[in-house]
Amino acid sequence: MRRSRVIIAAAVVAAVALVGAGAVWILRGDDGPGDTGRRFLAAWSRGDAAAMRALTADPPADFEARVKRMRDDLGVTGGRYETASVGRPKGDEAGGAYRARLVLSGGRAWSYDGMMPFTKQDGKWRVKWSPQLLHPSLQEGQRLKAARTWPSRAAVRDAKGGDLSGSPSGSVQQLVGPAGPASAEAAKKLGPPYRTGDTVGLEGLQRQYEKRLAGTPALAVQVVGADGKPVKTLQRFGGKDGTPLSTTIDPKVQRAAGRRSRTWTSPPRSSRSARPPARSWPPPTSPAATTGR
């Protein structure tokens, strides 16, 4: 009986010790740099720059803007950031690394390895800020950008393979529609890789089959300076030509219609010469009118 009481007492002491240790762990609120890194990268993956900032030591005033601009300038359509490694802490510092697996416009996959150092700030582990946090090649004042080169726009063709953009028929021109610079609203609706000012279909078939006719631009992932000039090219991706759109419009029928239209709007010279002379208004006063008859 006495032995049982000793065992029970020892178990209670052990439980209290464990609860006490747990209480200390909870009060400290410190899961180590690894947990901070996982939360930081999860926020980055979902595009939550505010949450990233809260986990960063001494972030710049424009931190959120830098994160958003990097995503927009690269034309990122998807992807994730994952922890690659977290080093053993040495005092209030620890090293770390991550792996970025991104999808750029046109479904181009781009990956890179980044550095993720940690530091303790107010007793909590935080990711240490520097421009290299976003990419190891960046220096202050630089940013990442995907430079684009669009291929020549494909044609809307008639039944014989001719380009309908030069058709003399107004009805055909209306059907095909014009192409011109994209508004900010149109570029946003089309999504990456489109930007304001890109040539897009504005009406008709040009607009309806925009992505087919435009193709996919070639991309060059670059480090650019504050002046926008490229400093370094990190990777290149080839583009894809647009695909022509064929219609059943018969060019012979259109030419004949064009001739008939010109005939209707421009009567023959003999018809024009047979017309009576134009009368002036008001008509000239007759002798009878001047005499009061």
Protein backbone atom coordinates (compact mmCIF):
# COMPACT_ATOMS: atom_id res chain seq x y z
CA MET A 1 0.00 0.00 0.00
CA ARG A 2 2.77 2.36 0.97
CA ARG A 3 4.60 1.50 -2.28
CA SER A 4 1.46 2.38 -4.28
CA ARG A 5 1.24 5.77 -2.54
CA VAL A 6 4.87 6.45 -3.42
CA ILE A 7 4.25 5.62 -7.09
CA ILE A 8 1.15 7.83 -7.17
CA ALA A 9 2.98 10.72 -5.53
CA ALA A 10 5.84 10.40 -8.02
CA ALA A 11 3.39 10.44 -10.89
CA VAL A 12 1.72 13.59 -9.54
CA VAL A 13 5.09 15.30 -9.15
CA ALA A 14 5.99 14.35 -12.74
CA ALA A 15 2.66 15.65 -14.01
CA VAL A 16 3.10 18.94 -12.18
CA ALA A 17 6.59 19.24 -13.61
CA LEU A 18 5.26 18.65 -17.12
CA VAL A 19 2.43 21.13 -16.66
CA GLY A 20 4.89 23.65 -15.28
CA ALA A 21 7.20 23.17 -18.23
CA GLY A 22 4.24 23.54 -20.57
CA ALA A 23 3.18 26.70 -18.82
CA VAL A 24 6.65 28.17 -19.27
CA TRP A 25 6.61 27.19 -22.97
CA ILE A 26 3.20 28.81 -23.46
CA LEU A 27 4.19 31.97 -21.62
CA ARG A 28 7.30 32.29 -23.69
CA GLY A 29 5.30 31.91 -26.90
CA ASP A 30 8.50 30.84 -28.65
CA ASP A 31 8.29 27.95 -31.11
CA GLY A 32 11.72 28.71 -32.51
CA PRO A 33 12.75 30.15 -35.89
CA GLY A 34 11.35 27.20 -37.81
CA ASP A 35 7.75 28.01 -36.88
CA THR A 36 8.27 31.69 -37.77
CA GLY A 37 9.70 30.67 -41.13
CA ARG A 38 6.76 28.37 -41.91
CA ARG A 39 4.21 31.08 -41.08
CA PHE A 40 6.14 33.68 -43.09
CA LEU A 41 6.30 31.47 -46.19
CA ALA A 42 2.65 30.41 -45.87
CA ALA A 43 1.67 34.11 -45.82
CA TRP A 44 3.87 34.76 -48.86
CA SER A 45 2.28 31.84 -50.73
CA ARG A 46 -1.22 33.26 -50.21
CA GLY A 47 -0.15 36.84 -51.00
CA ASP A 48 -0.68 38.18 -47.47
CA ALA A 49 2.03 40.86 -47.30
CA ALA A 50 0.64 42.31 -44.06
CA ALA A 51 1.13 38.97 -42.27
CA MET A 52 4.63 38.73 -43.74
CA ARG A 53 5.44 42.17 -42.39
CA ALA A 54 4.31 41.21 -38.88
CA LEU A 55 6.86 38.35 -38.92
CA THR A 56 9.74 40.48 -40.27
CA ALA A 57 12.33 42.33 -38.20
CA ASP A 58 12.71 46.00 -39.19
CA PRO A 59 10.83 45.85 -42.53
CA PRO A 60 10.99 48.95 -44.79
CA ALA A 61 8.03 51.31 -44.88
CA ASP A 62 7.07 50.10 -48.37
CA PHE A 63 7.38 46.38 -47.53
CA GLU A 64 3.86 45.45 -48.69
CA ALA A 65 4.28 47.48 -51.88
CA ARG A 66 7.55 45.70 -52.70
CA VAL A 67 5.99 42.26 -52.25
CA LYS A 68 2.96 43.15 -54.38
CA ARG A 69 5.02 44.81 -57.11
CA MET A 70 7.32 41.79 -57.36
CA ARG A 71 4.29 39.53 -57.90
CA ASP A 72 2.74 41.89 -60.46
CA ASP A 73 5.97 42.63 -62.35
CA LEU A 74 6.75 38.94 -62.67
CA GLY A 75 3.18 38.11 -63.71
CA VAL A 76 2.89 35.39 -61.07
CA THR A 77 -0.30 33.35 -61.51
CA GLY A 78 0.39 30.70 -58.88
CA GLY A 79 3.00 28.89 -56.85
CA ARG A 80 4.27 28.47 -53.31
CA TYR A 81 7.20 29.13 -51.01
CA GLU A 82 8.53 26.30 -48.83
CA THR A 83 11.11 25.98 -46.06
CA ALA A 84 14.31 24.40 -47.32
CA SER A 85 16.30 24.48 -44.06
CA VAL A 86 16.54 26.18 -40.66
CA GLY A 87 19.87 26.26 -38.85
CA ARG A 88 20.51 25.75 -35.15
CA PRO A 89 20.21 29.09 -33.31
CA LYS A 90 23.42 30.74 -32.14
CA GLY A 91 22.36 33.23 -29.52
CA ASP A 92 19.78 35.52 -31.09
CA GLU A 93 20.61 34.61 -34.69
CA ALA A 94 19.80 31.64 -36.92
CA GLY A 95 20.20 30.85 -40.60
CA GLY A 96 17.59 29.51 -42.97
CA ALA A 97 16.66 29.02 -46.61
CA TYR A 98 13.52 28.58 -48.71
CA ARG A 99 12.52 27.26 -52.11
CA ALA A 100 10.25 29.31 -54.40
CA ARG A 101 8.20 27.41 -56.99
CA LEU A 102 6.31 29.94 -59.09
CA VAL A 103 4.07 29.83 -62.15
CA LEU A 104 4.44 32.82 -64.47
CA SER A 105 2.10 33.93 -67.25
CA GLY A 106 1.69 31.38 -69.99
CA GLY A 107 2.14 28.53 -67.51
CA ARG A 108 5.93 28.96 -67.33
CA ALA A 109 7.38 27.33 -64.18
CA TRP A 110 10.19 29.24 -62.49
CA SER A 111 11.98 28.15 -59.29
CA TYR A 112 14.76 29.65 -57.22
CA ASP A 113 16.42 29.20 -53.83
CA GLY A 114 16.36 32.08 -51.37
CA MET A 115 17.92 32.97 -48.02
CA MET A 116 15.81 33.35 -44.89
CA PRO A 117 17.91 34.47 -41.88
CA PHE A 118 16.32 34.89 -38.46
CA THR A 119 16.89 37.19 -35.52
CA LYS A 120 15.26 37.57 -32.11
CA GLN A 121 13.39 40.81 -31.56
CA ASP A 122 11.62 41.51 -28.26
CA GLY A 123 12.06 37.87 -27.34
CA LYS A 124 10.43 36.54 -30.52
CA TRP A 125 11.97 35.04 -33.61
CA ARG A 126 11.52 37.14 -36.72
CA VAL A 127 12.70 36.89 -40.32
CA LYS A 128 15.58 39.30 -40.84
CA TRP A 129 14.93 41.88 -43.56
CA SER A 130 17.20 42.69 -46.47
CA PRO A 131 16.42 42.98 -50.21
CA GLN A 132 18.00 39.53 -50.60
CA LEU A 133 15.06 38.11 -48.65
CA LEU A 134 12.90 38.48 -51.79
CA HIS A 135 15.64 37.17 -54.10
CA PRO A 136 19.36 36.57 -53.47
CA SER A 137 20.38 38.72 -56.47
CA LEU A 138 18.61 41.89 -55.33
CA GLN A 139 20.35 44.96 -53.96
CA GLU A 140 18.62 47.99 -52.45
CA GLY A 141 16.73 49.92 -55.14
CA GLN A 142 16.49 46.91 -57.45
CA ARG A 143 13.52 44.69 -58.24
CA LEU A 144 12.51 41.66 -60.30
CA LYS A 145 10.60 42.01 -63.55
CA ALA A 146 9.55 39.76 -66.42
CA ALA A 147 10.28 41.65 -69.66
CA ARG A 148 7.91 40.60 -72.47
CA THR A 149 8.26 40.46 -76.23
CA TRP A 150 4.97 39.87 -78.06
CA PRO A 151 4.98 37.98 -81.37
CA SER A 152 3.35 39.49 -84.46
CA ARG A 153 -0.43 39.33 -84.19
CA ALA A 154 -2.04 36.55 -86.27
CA ALA A 155 -4.49 37.46 -89.03
CA VAL A 156 -8.22 36.94 -89.44
CA ARG A 157 -8.41 35.26 -92.87
CA ASP A 158 -10.98 34.83 -95.59
CA ALA A 159 -11.89 31.47 -97.12
CA LYS A 160 -8.87 31.67 -99.47
CA GLY A 161 -6.37 32.53 -96.74
CA GLY A 162 -6.22 36.28 -97.38
CA ASP A 163 -5.90 38.82 -94.58
CA LEU A 164 -9.26 40.47 -93.99
CA SER A 165 -7.74 43.52 -92.33
CA GLY A 166 -7.40 45.11 -95.78
CA SER A 167 -10.91 44.27 -96.98
CA PRO A 168 -12.69 47.21 -98.70
CA SER A 169 -16.00 46.00 -97.29
CA GLY A 170 -17.29 47.97 -94.34
CA SER A 171 -19.38 45.02 -93.14
CA VAL A 172 -16.29 42.80 -93.12
CA GLN A 173 -14.30 45.41 -91.22
CA GLN A 174 -17.09 45.62 -88.67
CA LEU A 175 -17.12 41.82 -88.33
CA VAL A 176 -13.35 41.57 -87.89
CA GLY A 177 -13.10 44.56 -85.56
CA PRO A 178 -10.12 46.80 -84.79
CA ALA A 179 -7.10 46.19 -82.56
CA GLY A 180 -5.57 48.89 -80.37
CA PRO A 181 -4.00 49.69 -77.00
CA ALA A 182 -5.55 48.01 -73.95
CA SER A 183 -7.08 50.13 -71.23
CA ALA A 184 -6.17 49.45 -67.60
CA GLU A 185 -9.58 47.81 -67.15
CA ALA A 186 -9.14 45.56 -70.21
CA ALA A 187 -5.61 44.52 -69.15
CA LYS A 188 -6.85 43.63 -65.67
CA LYS A 189 -9.72 41.59 -67.08
CA LEU A 190 -7.43 39.69 -69.46
CA GLY A 191 -4.92 39.05 -66.66
CA PRO A 192 -1.17 38.31 -66.93
CA PRO A 193 0.79 38.78 -69.13
CA TYR A 194 -1.36 41.70 -70.36
CA ARG A 195 -0.53 45.24 -69.27
CA THR A 196 -2.02 48.64 -70.02
CA GLY A 197 -1.10 49.73 -73.54
CA ASP A 198 -0.63 46.25 -75.02
CA THR A 199 -2.24 45.73 -78.43
CA VAL A 200 -5.53 43.86 -78.00
CA GLY A 201 -8.70 43.27 -79.98
CA LEU A 202 -11.20 46.03 -79.25
CA GLU A 203 -14.27 44.74 -81.09
CA GLY A 204 -15.53 41.89 -83.25
CA LEU A 205 -13.51 38.76 -83.93
CA GLN A 206 -10.32 40.50 -82.84
CA ARG A 207 -11.76 40.83 -79.35
CA GLN A 208 -13.57 37.49 -79.25
CA TYR A 209 -10.44 35.52 -80.20
CA GLU A 210 -7.88 37.82 -78.51
CA LYS A 211 -5.66 35.21 -76.88
CA ARG A 212 -5.67 32.96 -79.94
CA LEU A 213 -4.61 35.81 -82.25
CA ALA A 214 -2.14 37.45 -79.85
CA GLY A 215 -0.16 34.35 -78.93
CA THR A 216 2.11 34.18 -75.90
CA PRO A 217 4.97 36.66 -75.36
CA ALA A 218 8.54 35.56 -74.73
CA LEU A 219 9.67 36.31 -71.17
CA ALA A 220 12.99 37.29 -69.65
CA VAL A 221 13.10 37.31 -65.84
CA GLN A 222 15.43 40.17 -64.99
CA VAL A 223 16.87 42.18 -62.14
CA VAL A 224 16.25 45.84 -63.00
CA GLY A 225 17.57 49.00 -61.39
CA ALA A 226 15.67 52.00 -60.08
CA ASP A 227 15.76 53.44 -63.62
CA GLY A 228 14.05 50.33 -64.99
CA LYS A 229 17.08 49.22 -67.00
CA PRO A 230 18.05 45.53 -66.81
CA VAL A 231 21.02 44.68 -64.60
CA LYS A 232 20.96 40.90 -64.93
CA THR A 233 18.87 38.27 -66.73
CA LEU A 234 18.01 35.29 -64.54
CA GLN A 235 16.05 33.14 -66.99
CA ARG A 236 14.48 33.27 -70.45
CA PHE A 237 11.30 31.63 -71.72
CA GLY A 238 10.33 31.36 -75.38
CA GLY A 239 7.03 32.71 -76.67
CA LYS A 240 4.38 31.26 -78.96
CA ASP A 241 3.03 32.76 -82.17
CA GLY A 242 -0.67 33.50 -82.43
CA THR A 243 -2.90 31.18 -84.46
CA PRO A 244 -4.66 32.68 -87.52
CA LEU A 245 -8.45 32.58 -87.53
CA SER A 246 -10.08 31.33 -90.75
CA THR A 247 -13.57 32.39 -91.81
CA THR A 248 -15.92 31.34 -94.63
CA ILE A 249 -15.93 34.82 -96.18
CA ASP A 250 -15.42 34.48 -99.95
CA PRO A 251 -13.08 37.21 -101.28
CA LYS A 252 -14.69 37.10 -104.76
CA VAL A 253 -18.11 37.78 -103.30
CA GLN A 254 -16.68 40.63 -101.23
CA ARG A 255 -14.94 42.18 -104.24
CA ALA A 256 -18.14 41.99 -106.27
CA ALA A 257 -20.06 43.57 -103.42
CA GLY A 258 -17.45 46.30 -103.24
CA ARG A 259 -17.83 47.02 -106.96
CA ARG A 260 -21.61 47.18 -106.69
CA SER A 261 -21.28 49.54 -103.74
CA ARG A 262 -19.02 51.84 -105.73
CA THR A 263 -21.44 51.69 -108.67
CA TRP A 264 -24.34 52.74 -106.45
CA THR A 265 -22.47 55.58 -104.83
CA SER A 266 -20.80 56.88 -108.05
CA PRO A 267 -23.20 56.98 -111.04
CA PRO A 268 -21.69 56.91 -114.54
CA ARG A 269 -20.35 60.15 -116.03
CA SER A 270 -23.11 60.12 -118.68
CA SER A 271 -25.71 60.09 -115.92
CA ARG A 272 -23.98 62.95 -114.13
CA SER A 273 -23.82 65.06 -117.35
CA ALA A 274 -27.54 64.49 -117.99
CA ARG A 275 -28.53 65.98 -114.68
CA PRO A 276 -30.25 69.41 -114.83
CA PRO A 277 -28.17 72.30 -113.57
CA ALA A 278 -28.45 73.02 -109.89
CA ARG A 279 -30.85 75.79 -109.00
CA SER A 280 -29.89 78.57 -106.69
CA TRP A 281 -31.93 79.54 -103.65
CA PRO A 282 -33.71 81.87 -103.47
CA PRO A 283 -34.57 81.93 -107.20
CA PRO A 284 -33.74 85.07 -109.20
CA THR A 285 -36.44 87.72 -109.41
CA SER A 286 -38.43 87.54 -112.64
CA PRO A 287 -39.40 90.63 -114.72
CA ALA A 288 -43.00 90.00 -113.81
CA ALA A 289 -42.20 90.17 -110.14
CA THR A 290 -40.43 93.45 -110.52
CA THR A 291 -43.44 94.94 -112.26
CA GLY A 292 -45.81 93.75 -109.64
CA ARG A 293 -47.62 91.27 -111.96
